[in-house]
Every structure is written in structure tokens, then in C-alpha cells.
Amino acid sequence: MDVKAHSWYFQLWVEEGLIALLCLLVFFGVYFVKSVKLYRKTDLSQPLAWIGLGIFSAMAAFCVGVIVNDMMAGLAQLFWGLLGLGFSVNYILTERLKGTADKQ
């Protein structure tokens, strides 16, 4: 049976269940909260900080956009790849901030 909810979140809820949707929302929430905290403290003179901020902005726009549209198969790889890259950039920037704090 083909179900089209016209929202990626509702589509996930219908196909996988409420627990899967809540897990996904918690996963995104962790990324967004950590990113907001990180980019408020980060010096944006570093090129890597701008890359991370751009990835964060793209992820935020995408997560808002799929409220009224379902995820197309062609965008899924780009979305998950950028999300993984975003977590990696956040980790590198966090380690740099820790290193800077240790030197002071």
C-alpha cells in the first residue's frame, strides 16, 4: 500500500511508527542544540566555522522544508551526508575550543 502523507515527519510516523519519529526528532534536536551553543561561542574568522554554519543553516532549512513536503529519494543521500559532515565539523570546532581554553 502506497501512503503519501506529504510531510516527511508524518510519512515516517505512518511507515515506521511514533517511536522512530521521536528518535529522529531527538537526534535532530541534539544536533541543533549543540550547533547553536557552539556557533554562539565560535570565532567566525575561521573558514571551518563558516562551513559548519552553512551546513547547520542548510540542515535547518531542510528540516523546516520537509514539514510540508516529503523527502525525495534523490535528496536523501545529500541530506544524511551533510548531517554527518555537520556533526564532524562541530566535533572539530569543539576540540579546537577546548584546546584554546586549555592554553589560557
PDB file of N, CA and C in Angstrom:
ATOM      1  N   MET A   1       0.842  -1.167   0.000  1.00  0.00           N
ATOM      2  CA  MET A   1       0.000   0.000   0.000  1.00  0.00           C
ATOM      3  C   MET A   1       0.894   1.238   0.000  1.00  0.00           C
ATOM      4  N   ASP A   2       0.675   2.118  -0.922  1.00  0.00           N
ATOM      5  CA  ASP A   2       1.458   3.342  -1.031  1.00  0.00           C
ATOM      6  C   ASP A   2       0.757   4.457  -0.265  1.00  0.00           C
ATOM      7  N   VAL A   3       1.456   5.014   0.702  1.00  0.00           N
ATOM      8  CA  VAL A   3       0.885   6.077   1.528  1.00  0.00           C
ATOM      9  C   VAL A   3       1.698   7.337   1.288  1.00  0.00           C
ATOM     10  N   LYS A   4       1.031   8.437   0.979  1.00  0.00           N
ATOM     11  CA  LYS A   4       1.700   9.727   0.792  1.00  0.00           C
ATOM     12  C   LYS A   4       1.135  10.703   1.803  1.00  0.00           C
ATOM     13  N   ALA A   5       1.926  11.025   2.800  1.00  0.00           N
ATOM     14  CA  ALA A   5       1.461  11.940   3.844  1.00  0.00           C
ATOM     15  C   ALA A   5       1.765  13.394   3.491  1.00  0.00           C
ATOM     16  N   HIS A   6       2.604  13.640   2.497  1.00  0.00           N
ATOM     17  CA  HIS A   6       3.012  14.982   2.080  1.00  0.00           C
ATOM     18  C   HIS A   6       3.708  15.762   3.189  1.00  0.00           C
ATOM     19  N   SER A   7       4.296  15.052   4.109  1.00  0.00           N
ATOM     20  CA  SER A   7       5.174  15.601   5.128  1.00  0.00           C
ATOM     21  C   SER A   7       6.120  14.470   5.509  1.00  0.00           C
ATOM     22  N   TRP A   8       7.399  14.752   5.499  1.00  0.00           N
ATOM     23  CA  TRP A   8       8.366  13.698   5.785  1.00  0.00           C
ATOM     24  C   TRP A   8       8.165  13.141   7.187  1.00  0.00           C
ATOM     25  N   TYR A   9       7.838  13.999   8.135  1.00  0.00           N
ATOM     26  CA  TYR A   9       7.652  13.563   9.513  1.00  0.00           C
ATOM     27  C   TYR A   9       6.415  12.677   9.645  1.00  0.00           C
ATOM     28  N   PHE A  10       5.312  13.061   9.026  1.00  0.00           N
ATOM     29  CA  PHE A  10       4.110  12.235   9.053  1.00  0.00           C
ATOM     30  C   PHE A  10       4.338  10.929   8.289  1.00  0.00           C
ATOM     31  N   GLN A  11       5.067  11.019   7.194  1.00  0.00           N
ATOM     32  CA  GLN A  11       5.381   9.824   6.410  1.00  0.00           C
ATOM     33  C   GLN A  11       6.168   8.832   7.257  1.00  0.00           C
ATOM     34  N   LEU A  12       7.143   9.325   7.990  1.00  0.00           N
ATOM     35  CA  LEU A  12       7.928   8.466   8.872  1.00  0.00           C
ATOM     36  C   LEU A  12       7.049   7.874   9.963  1.00  0.00           C
ATOM     37  N   TRP A  13       6.159   8.662  10.515  1.00  0.00           N
ATOM     38  CA  TRP A  13       5.248   8.193  11.553  1.00  0.00           C
ATOM     39  C   TRP A  13       4.358   7.069  11.032  1.00  0.00           C
ATOM     40  N   VAL A  14       3.820   7.251   9.830  1.00  0.00           N
ATOM     41  CA  VAL A  14       2.932   6.240   9.253  1.00  0.00           C
ATOM     42  C   VAL A  14       3.701   4.965   8.912  1.00  0.00           C
ATOM     43  N   GLU A  15       4.882   5.094   8.343  1.00  0.00           N
ATOM     44  CA  GLU A  15       5.627   3.925   7.878  1.00  0.00           C
ATOM     45  C   GLU A  15       6.383   3.213   8.994  1.00  0.00           C
ATOM     46  N   GLU A  16       7.001   3.968   9.898  1.00  0.00           N
ATOM     47  CA  GLU A  16       7.882   3.369  10.899  1.00  0.00           C
ATOM     48  C   GLU A  16       7.317   3.396  12.312  1.00  0.00           C
ATOM     49  N   GLY A  17       6.436   4.335  12.610  1.00  0.00           N
ATOM     50  CA  GLY A  17       5.839   4.409  13.932  1.00  0.00           C
ATOM     51  C   GLY A  17       6.276   5.637  14.710  1.00  0.00           C
ATOM     52  N   LEU A  18       5.592   5.866  15.799  1.00  0.00           N
ATOM     53  CA  LEU A  18       5.835   7.049  16.618  1.00  0.00           C
ATOM     54  C   LEU A  18       7.205   7.024  17.290  1.00  0.00           C
ATOM     55  N   ILE A  19       7.645   5.857  17.725  1.00  0.00           N
ATOM     56  CA  ILE A  19       8.951   5.770  18.398  1.00  0.00           C
ATOM     57  C   ILE A  19      10.079   6.159  17.444  1.00  0.00           C
ATOM     58  N   ALA A  20      10.004   5.723  16.198  1.00  0.00           N
ATOM     59  CA  ALA A  20      11.026   6.085  15.208  1.00  0.00           C
ATOM     60  C   ALA A  20      11.022   7.592  14.960  1.00  0.00           C
ATOM     61  N   LEU A  21       9.838   8.183  14.872  1.00  0.00           N
ATOM     62  CA  LEU A  21       9.752   9.629  14.674  1.00  0.00           C
ATOM     63  C   LEU A  21      10.342  10.381  15.852  1.00  0.00           C
ATOM     64  N   LEU A  22      10.024   9.943  17.068  1.00  0.00           N
ATOM     65  CA  LEU A  22      10.571  10.612  18.256  1.00  0.00           C
ATOM     66  C   LEU A  22      12.083  10.466  18.334  1.00  0.00           C
ATOM     67  N   CYS A  23      12.602   9.305  17.983  1.00  0.00           N
ATOM     68  CA  CYS A  23      14.059   9.106  17.968  1.00  0.00           C
ATOM     69  C   CYS A  23      14.729  10.037  16.962  1.00  0.00           C
ATOM     70  N   LEU A  24      14.125  10.169  15.789  1.00  0.00           N
ATOM     71  CA  LEU A  24      14.679  11.063  14.772  1.00  0.00           C
ATOM     72  C   LEU A  24      14.651  12.518  15.241  1.00  0.00           C
ATOM     73  N   LEU A  25      13.551  12.926  15.856  1.00  0.00           N
ATOM     74  CA  LEU A  25      13.441  14.306  16.338  1.00  0.00           C
ATOM     75  C   LEU A  25      14.439  14.585  17.459  1.00  0.00           C
ATOM     76  N   VAL A  26      14.679  13.605  18.319  1.00  0.00           N
ATOM     77  CA  VAL A  26      15.693  13.771  19.374  1.00  0.00           C
ATOM     78  C   VAL A  26      17.078  13.879  18.743  1.00  0.00           C
ATOM     79  N   PHE A  27      17.355  13.058  17.742  1.00  0.00           N
ATOM     80  CA  PHE A  27      18.638  13.095  17.031  1.00  0.00           C
ATOM     81  C   PHE A  27      18.871  14.472  16.415  1.00  0.00           C
ATOM     82  N   PHE A  28      17.848  15.003  15.717  1.00  0.00           N
ATOM     83  CA  PHE A  28      17.963  16.341  15.141  1.00  0.00           C
ATOM     84  C   PHE A  28      18.081  17.397  16.229  1.00  0.00           C
ATOM     85  N   GLY A  29      17.327  17.233  17.306  1.00  0.00           N
ATOM     86  CA  GLY A  29      17.372  18.194  18.407  1.00  0.00           C
ATOM     87  C   GLY A  29      18.758  18.299  19.012  1.00  0.00           C
ATOM     88  N   VAL A  30      19.417  17.153  19.193  1.00  0.00           N
ATOM     89  CA  VAL A  30      20.780  17.152  19.734  1.00  0.00           C
ATOM     90  C   VAL A  30      21.710  17.929  18.808  1.00  0.00           C
ATOM     91  N   TYR A  31      21.605  17.676  17.506  1.00  0.00           N
ATOM     92  CA  TYR A  31      22.455  18.388  16.541  1.00  0.00           C
ATOM     93  C   TYR A  31      22.191  19.892  16.579  1.00  0.00           C
ATOM     94  N   PHE A  32      20.928  20.284  16.570  1.00  0.00           N
ATOM     95  CA  PHE A  32      20.611  21.706  16.520  1.00  0.00           C
ATOM     96  C   PHE A  32      20.993  22.431  17.810  1.00  0.00           C
ATOM     97  N   VAL A  33      20.744  21.824  18.955  1.00  0.00           N
ATOM     98  CA  VAL A  33      21.090  22.478  20.228  1.00  0.00           C
ATOM     99  C   VAL A  33      22.605  22.613  20.360  1.00  0.00           C
ATOM    100  N   LYS A  34      23.335  21.547  20.039  1.00  0.00           N
ATOM    101  CA  LYS A  34      24.802  21.621  20.119  1.00  0.00           C
ATOM    102  C   LYS A  34      25.357  22.639  19.123  1.00  0.00           C
ATOM    103  N   SER A  35      24.767  22.698  17.939  1.00  0.00           N
ATOM    104  CA  SER A  35      25.245  23.644  16.933  1.00  0.00           C
ATOM    105  C   SER A  35      25.003  25.086  17.363  1.00  0.00           C
ATOM    106  N   VAL A  36      23.830  25.356  17.874  1.00  0.00           N
ATOM    107  CA  VAL A  36      23.531  26.727  18.314  1.00  0.00           C
ATOM    108  C   VAL A  36      24.489  27.142  19.429  1.00  0.00           C
ATOM    109  N   LYS A  37      24.703  26.274  20.406  1.00  0.00           N
ATOM    110  CA  LYS A  37      25.629  26.590  21.502  1.00  0.00           C
ATOM    111  C   LYS A  37      27.055  26.792  20.974  1.00  0.00           C
ATOM    112  N   LEU A  38      27.462  25.944  20.041  1.00  0.00           N
ATOM    113  CA  LEU A  38      28.824  26.025  19.507  1.00  0.00           C
ATOM    114  C   LEU A  38      29.047  27.297  18.709  1.00  0.00           C
ATOM    115  N   TYR A  39      28.121  27.629  17.810  1.00  0.00           N
ATOM    116  CA  TYR A  39      28.338  28.772  16.929  1.00  0.00           C
ATOM    117  C   TYR A  39      28.112  30.103  17.633  1.00  0.00           C
ATOM    118  N   ARG A  40      27.527  30.086  18.802  1.00  0.00           N
ATOM    119  CA  ARG A  40      27.456  31.314  19.600  1.00  0.00           C
ATOM    120  C   ARG A  40      28.809  31.620  20.229  1.00  0.00           C
ATOM    121  N   LYS A  41      29.605  30.562  20.494  1.00  0.00           N
ATOM    122  CA  LYS A  41      30.918  30.740  21.125  1.00  0.00           C
ATOM    123  C   LYS A  41      32.069  30.815  20.132  1.00  0.00           C
ATOM    124  N   THR A  42      31.861  30.323  18.933  1.00  0.00           N
ATOM    125  CA  THR A  42      32.952  30.177  17.965  1.00  0.00           C
ATOM    126  C   THR A  42      33.283  31.497  17.288  1.00  0.00           C
ATOM    127  N   ASP A  43      34.571  31.719  17.108  1.00  0.00           N
ATOM    128  CA  ASP A  43      35.045  32.869  16.348  1.00  0.00           C
ATOM    129  C   ASP A  43      34.840  32.570  14.870  1.00  0.00           C
ATOM    130  N   LEU A  44      34.052  33.373  14.210  1.00  0.00           N
ATOM    131  CA  LEU A  44      33.706  33.104  12.817  1.00  0.00           C
ATOM    132  C   LEU A  44      34.755  33.599  11.827  1.00  0.00           C
ATOM    133  N   SER A  45      35.967  33.863  12.297  1.00  0.00           N
ATOM    134  CA  SER A  45      37.033  34.230  11.372  1.00  0.00           C
ATOM    135  C   SER A  45      37.678  32.985  10.756  1.00  0.00           C
ATOM    136  N   GLN A  46      37.353  31.806  11.297  1.00  0.00           N
ATOM    137  CA  GLN A  46      37.900  30.560  10.768  1.00  0.00           C
ATOM    138  C   GLN A  46      37.040  30.069   9.599  1.00  0.00           C
ATOM    139  N   PRO A  47      37.658  29.622   8.530  1.00  0.00           N
ATOM    140  CA  PRO A  47      36.864  29.098   7.400  1.00  0.00           C
ATOM    141  C   PRO A  47      36.023  27.877   7.780  1.00  0.00           C
ATOM    142  N   LEU A  48      36.547  27.026   8.656  1.00  0.00           N
ATOM    143  CA  LEU A  48      35.807  25.839   9.060  1.00  0.00           C
ATOM    144  C   LEU A  48      34.525  26.204   9.816  1.00  0.00           C
ATOM    145  N   ALA A  49      34.574  27.292  10.566  1.00  0.00           N
ATOM    146  CA  ALA A  49      33.377  27.745  11.286  1.00  0.00           C
ATOM    147  C   ALA A  49      32.295  28.187  10.303  1.00  0.00           C
ATOM    148  N   TRP A  50      32.684  28.836   9.224  1.00  0.00           N
ATOM    149  CA  TRP A  50      31.709  29.248   8.208  1.00  0.00           C
ATOM    150  C   TRP A  50      31.130  28.039   7.488  1.00  0.00           C
ATOM    151  N   ILE A  51      31.963  27.039   7.234  1.00  0.00           N
ATOM    152  CA  ILE A  51      31.468  25.819   6.603  1.00  0.00           C
ATOM    153  C   ILE A  51      30.438  25.143   7.510  1.00  0.00           C
ATOM    154  N   GLY A  52      30.773  25.024   8.782  1.00  0.00           N
ATOM    155  CA  GLY A  52      29.855  24.413   9.739  1.00  0.00           C
ATOM    156  C   GLY A  52      28.562  25.189   9.880  1.00  0.00           C
ATOM    157  N   LEU A  53      28.669  26.510   9.897  1.00  0.00           N
ATOM    158  CA  LEU A  53      27.476  27.342   9.997  1.00  0.00           C
ATOM    159  C   LEU A  53      26.609  27.212   8.746  1.00  0.00           C
ATOM    160  N   GLY A  54      27.248  27.087   7.591  1.00  0.00           N
ATOM    161  CA  GLY A  54      26.499  26.875   6.354  1.00  0.00           C
ATOM    162  C   GLY A  54      25.779  25.536   6.337  1.00  0.00           C
ATOM    163  N   ILE A  55      26.453  24.499   6.823  1.00  0.00           N
ATOM    164  CA  ILE A  55      25.825  23.181   6.899  1.00  0.00           C
ATOM    165  C   ILE A  55      24.668  23.214   7.883  1.00  0.00           C
ATOM    166  N   PHE A  56      24.860  23.860   9.014  1.00  0.00           N
ATOM    167  CA  PHE A  56      23.792  23.993  10.002  1.00  0.00           C
ATOM    168  C   PHE A  56      22.589  24.725   9.414  1.00  0.00           C
ATOM    169  N   SER A  57      22.840  25.793   8.680  1.00  0.00           N
ATOM    170  CA  SER A  57      21.747  26.540   8.043  1.00  0.00           C
ATOM    171  C   SER A  57      21.012  25.696   7.014  1.00  0.00           C
ATOM    172  N   ALA A  58      21.760  24.923   6.238  1.00  0.00           N
ATOM    173  CA  ALA A  58      21.136  24.051   5.242  1.00  0.00           C
ATOM    174  C   ALA A  58      20.284  22.979   5.912  1.00  0.00           C
ATOM    175  N   MET A  59      20.777  22.404   6.996  1.00  0.00           N
ATOM    176  CA  MET A  59      20.010  21.388   7.715  1.00  0.00           C
ATOM    177  C   MET A  59      18.744  21.976   8.326  1.00  0.00           C
ATOM    178  N   ALA A  60      18.857  23.173   8.885  1.00  0.00           N
ATOM    179  CA  ALA A  60      17.681  23.824   9.470  1.00  0.00           C
ATOM    180  C   ALA A  60      16.637  24.120   8.393  1.00  0.00           C
ATOM    181  N   ALA A  61      17.080  24.626   7.261  1.00  0.00           N
ATOM    182  CA  ALA A  61      16.146  24.926   6.168  1.00  0.00           C
ATOM    183  C   ALA A  61      15.503  23.646   5.646  1.00  0.00           C
ATOM    184  N   PHE A  62      16.283  22.592   5.530  1.00  0.00           N
ATOM    185  CA  PHE A  62      15.735  21.343   5.041  1.00  0.00           C
ATOM    186  C   PHE A  62      14.709  20.769   6.011  1.00  0.00           C
ATOM    187  N   CYS A  63      15.017  20.800   7.323  1.00  0.00           N
ATOM    188  CA  CYS A  63      14.089  20.255   8.320  1.00  0.00           C
ATOM    189  C   CYS A  63      12.798  21.046   8.380  1.00  0.00           C
ATOM    190  N   VAL A  64      12.851  22.316   8.093  1.00  0.00           N
ATOM    191  CA  VAL A  64      11.620  23.108   8.009  1.00  0.00           C
ATOM    192  C   VAL A  64      10.894  22.806   6.701  1.00  0.00           C
ATOM    193  N   GLY A  65      11.618  22.641   5.624  1.00  0.00           N
ATOM    194  CA  GLY A  65      11.016  22.396   4.317  1.00  0.00           C
ATOM    195  C   GLY A  65      10.278  21.082   4.222  1.00  0.00           C
ATOM    196  N   VAL A  66      10.753  20.046   4.921  1.00  0.00           N
ATOM    197  CA  VAL A  66      10.086  18.750   4.816  1.00  0.00           C
ATOM    198  C   VAL A  66       8.844  18.662   5.693  1.00  0.00           C
ATOM    199  N   ILE A  67       8.515  19.750   6.385  1.00  0.00           N
ATOM    200  CA  ILE A  67       7.241  19.782   7.118  1.00  0.00           C
ATOM    201  C   ILE A  67       6.086  19.724   6.125  1.00  0.00           C
ATOM    202  N   VAL A  68       6.231  20.390   4.995  1.00  0.00           N
ATOM    203  CA  VAL A  68       5.151  20.449   4.012  1.00  0.00           C
ATOM    204  C   VAL A  68       5.454  19.648   2.749  1.00  0.00           C
ATOM    205  N   ASN A  69       6.519  18.868   2.764  1.00  0.00           N
ATOM    206  CA  ASN A  69       6.884  18.088   1.586  1.00  0.00           C
ATOM    207  C   ASN A  69       7.569  16.810   2.055  1.00  0.00           C
ATOM    208  N   ASP A  70       7.437  15.739   1.304  1.00  0.00           N
ATOM    209  CA  ASP A  70       8.140  14.531   1.676  1.00  0.00           C
ATOM    210  C   ASP A  70       9.541  14.538   1.079  1.00  0.00           C
ATOM    211  N   MET A  71      10.439  13.751   1.667  1.00  0.00           N
ATOM    212  CA  MET A  71      11.826  13.727   1.195  1.00  0.00           C
ATOM    213  C   MET A  71      11.888  12.916  -0.097  1.00  0.00           C
ATOM    214  N   MET A  72      12.457  13.516  -1.101  1.00  0.00           N
ATOM    215  CA  MET A  72      12.633  12.790  -2.356  1.00  0.00           C
ATOM    216  C   MET A  72      13.853  11.881  -2.238  1.00  0.00           C
ATOM    217  N   ALA A  73      13.812  10.772  -2.952  1.00  0.00           N
ATOM    218  CA  ALA A  73      14.893   9.790  -2.867  1.00  0.00           C
ATOM    219  C   ALA A  73      16.231  10.389  -3.283  1.00  0.00           C
ATOM    220  N   GLY A  74      16.239  11.318  -4.209  1.00  0.00           N
ATOM    221  CA  GLY A  74      17.485  11.922  -4.664  1.00  0.00           C
ATOM    222  C   GLY A  74      18.134  12.838  -3.646  1.00  0.00           C
ATOM    223  N   LEU A  75      17.348  13.375  -2.731  1.00  0.00           N
ATOM    224  CA  LEU A  75      17.894  14.284  -1.723  1.00  0.00           C
ATOM    225  C   LEU A  75      18.334  13.581  -0.450  1.00  0.00           C
ATOM    226  N   ALA A  76      17.916  12.349  -0.252  1.00  0.00           N
ATOM    227  CA  ALA A  76      18.216  11.648   0.993  1.00  0.00           C
ATOM    228  C   ALA A  76      19.721  11.497   1.212  1.00  0.00           C
ATOM    229  N   GLN A  77      20.459  11.117   0.183  1.00  0.00           N
ATOM    230  CA  GLN A  77      21.905  10.936   0.332  1.00  0.00           C
ATOM    231  C   GLN A  77      22.590  12.254   0.658  1.00  0.00           C
ATOM    232  N   LEU A  78      22.168  13.310   0.009  1.00  0.00           N
ATOM    233  CA  LEU A  78      22.739  14.628   0.287  1.00  0.00           C
ATOM    234  C   LEU A  78      22.439  15.060   1.714  1.00  0.00           C
ATOM    235  N   PHE A  79      21.207  14.860   2.141  1.00  0.00           N
ATOM    236  CA  PHE A  79      20.802  15.254   3.487  1.00  0.00           C
ATOM    237  C   PHE A  79      21.615  14.517   4.545  1.00  0.00           C
ATOM    238  N   TRP A  80      21.668  13.194   4.477  1.00  0.00           N
ATOM    239  CA  TRP A  80      22.376  12.426   5.502  1.00  0.00           C
ATOM    240  C   TRP A  80      23.880  12.649   5.432  1.00  0.00           C
ATOM    241  N   GLY A  81      24.410  12.851   4.235  1.00  0.00           N
ATOM    242  CA  GLY A  81      25.831  13.166   4.104  1.00  0.00           C
ATOM    243  C   GLY A  81      26.185  14.499   4.739  1.00  0.00           C
ATOM    244  N   LEU A  82      25.368  15.507   4.473  1.00  0.00           N
ATOM    245  CA  LEU A  82      25.612  16.823   5.077  1.00  0.00           C
ATOM    246  C   LEU A  82      25.431  16.793   6.589  1.00  0.00           C
ATOM    247  N   LEU A  83      24.461  16.016   7.067  1.00  0.00           N
ATOM    248  CA  LEU A  83      24.261  15.917   8.511  1.00  0.00           C
ATOM    249  C   LEU A  83      25.477  15.279   9.179  1.00  0.00           C
ATOM    250  N   GLY A  84      26.024  14.215   8.581  1.00  0.00           N
ATOM    251  CA  GLY A  84      27.235  13.600   9.115  1.00  0.00           C
ATOM    252  C   GLY A  84      28.423  14.548   9.069  1.00  0.00           C
ATOM    253  N   LEU A  85      28.529  15.292   7.984  1.00  0.00           N
ATOM    254  CA  LEU A  85      29.593  16.288   7.868  1.00  0.00           C
ATOM    255  C   LEU A  85      29.417  17.389   8.910  1.00  0.00           C
ATOM    256  N   GLY A  86      28.181  17.767   9.167  1.00  0.00           N
ATOM    257  CA  GLY A  86      27.897  18.780  10.191  1.00  0.00           C
ATOM    258  C   GLY A  86      28.320  18.320  11.575  1.00  0.00           C
ATOM    259  N   PHE A  87      28.024  17.065  11.918  1.00  0.00           N
ATOM    260  CA  PHE A  87      28.474  16.526  13.207  1.00  0.00           C
ATOM    261  C   PHE A  87      29.999  16.518  13.283  1.00  0.00           C
ATOM    262  N   SER A  88      30.670  16.182  12.180  1.00  0.00           N
ATOM    263  CA  SER A  88      32.135  16.139  12.164  1.00  0.00           C
ATOM    264  C   SER A  88      32.739  17.526  12.349  1.00  0.00           C
ATOM    265  N   VAL A  89      32.205  18.500  11.638  1.00  0.00           N
ATOM    266  CA  VAL A  89      32.711  19.875  11.771  1.00  0.00           C
ATOM    267  C   VAL A  89      32.481  20.381  13.188  1.00  0.00           C
ATOM    268  N   ASN A  90      31.318  20.080  13.760  1.00  0.00           N
ATOM    269  CA  ASN A  90      31.046  20.502  15.135  1.00  0.00           C
ATOM    270  C   ASN A  90      32.042  19.872  16.104  1.00  0.00           C
ATOM    271  N   TYR A  91      32.380  18.613  15.891  1.00  0.00           N
ATOM    272  CA  TYR A  91      33.345  17.936  16.754  1.00  0.00           C
ATOM    273  C   TYR A  91      34.722  18.597  16.642  1.00  0.00           C
ATOM    274  N   ILE A  92      35.158  18.882  15.435  1.00  0.00           N
ATOM    275  CA  ILE A  92      36.467  19.516  15.242  1.00  0.00           C
ATOM    276  C   ILE A  92      36.499  20.892  15.902  1.00  0.00           C
ATOM    277  N   LEU A  93      35.445  21.676  15.708  1.00  0.00           N
ATOM    278  CA  LEU A  93      35.406  23.013  16.302  1.00  0.00           C
ATOM    279  C   LEU A  93      35.346  22.955  17.826  1.00  0.00           C
ATOM    280  N   THR A  94      34.634  21.968  18.367  1.00  0.00           N
ATOM    281  CA  THR A  94      34.575  21.802  19.825  1.00  0.00           C
ATOM    282  C   THR A  94      35.945  21.466  20.383  1.00  0.00           C
ATOM    283  N   GLU A  95      36.664  20.593  19.702  1.00  0.00           N
ATOM    284  CA  GLU A  95      38.019  20.242  20.146  1.00  0.00           C
ATOM    285  C   GLU A  95      38.953  21.450  20.068  1.00  0.00           C
ATOM    286  N   ARG A  96      38.800  22.268  19.039  1.00  0.00           N
ATOM    287  CA  ARG A  96      39.625  23.474  18.927  1.00  0.00           C
ATOM    288  C   ARG A  96      39.312  24.449  20.055  1.00  0.00           C
ATOM    289  N   LEU A  97      38.033  24.573  20.406  1.00  0.00           N
ATOM    290  CA  LEU A  97      37.658  25.457  21.514  1.00  0.00           C
ATOM    291  C   LEU A  97      38.223  24.940  22.832  1.00  0.00           C
ATOM    292  N   LYS A  98      38.204  23.623  23.027  1.00  0.00           N
ATOM    293  CA  LYS A  98      38.782  23.044  24.241  1.00  0.00           C
ATOM    294  C   LYS A  98      40.285  23.300  24.293  1.00  0.00           C
ATOM    295  N   GLY A  99      40.958  23.171  23.149  1.00  0.00           N
ATOM    296  CA  GLY A  99      42.390  23.412  23.086  1.00  0.00           C
ATOM    297  C   GLY A  99      42.726  24.867  23.373  1.00  0.00           C
ATOM    298  N   THR A 100      41.906  25.772  22.887  1.00  0.00           N
ATOM    299  CA  THR A 100      42.114  27.197  23.155  1.00  0.00           C
ATOM    300  C   THR A 100      41.885  27.514  24.625  1.00  0.00           C
ATOM    301  N   ALA A 101      40.869  26.895  25.222  1.00  0.00           N
ATOM    302  CA  ALA A 101      40.578  27.135  26.645  1.00  0.00           C
ATOM    303  C   ALA A 101      41.671  26.568  27.524  1.00  0.00           C
ATOM    304  N   ASP A 102      42.278  25.437  27.126  1.00  0.00           N
ATOM    305  CA  ASP A 102      43.359  24.838  27.902  1.00  0.00           C
ATOM    306  C   ASP A 102      44.620  25.694  27.893  1.00  0.00           C
ATOM    307  N   LYS A 103      44.856  26.406  26.791  1.00  0.00           N
ATOM    308  CA  LYS A 103      46.058  27.245  26.687  1.00  0.00           C
ATOM    309  C   LYS A 103      45.953  28.501  27.520  1.00  0.00           C
ATOM    310  N   GLN A 104      44.733  28.928  27.797  1.00  0.00           N
ATOM    311  CA  GLN A 104      44.561  30.196  28.540  1.00  0.00           C
ATOM    312  C   GLN A 104      44.618  29.999  29.995  1.00  0.00           C
TER     313      GLN A 104
END
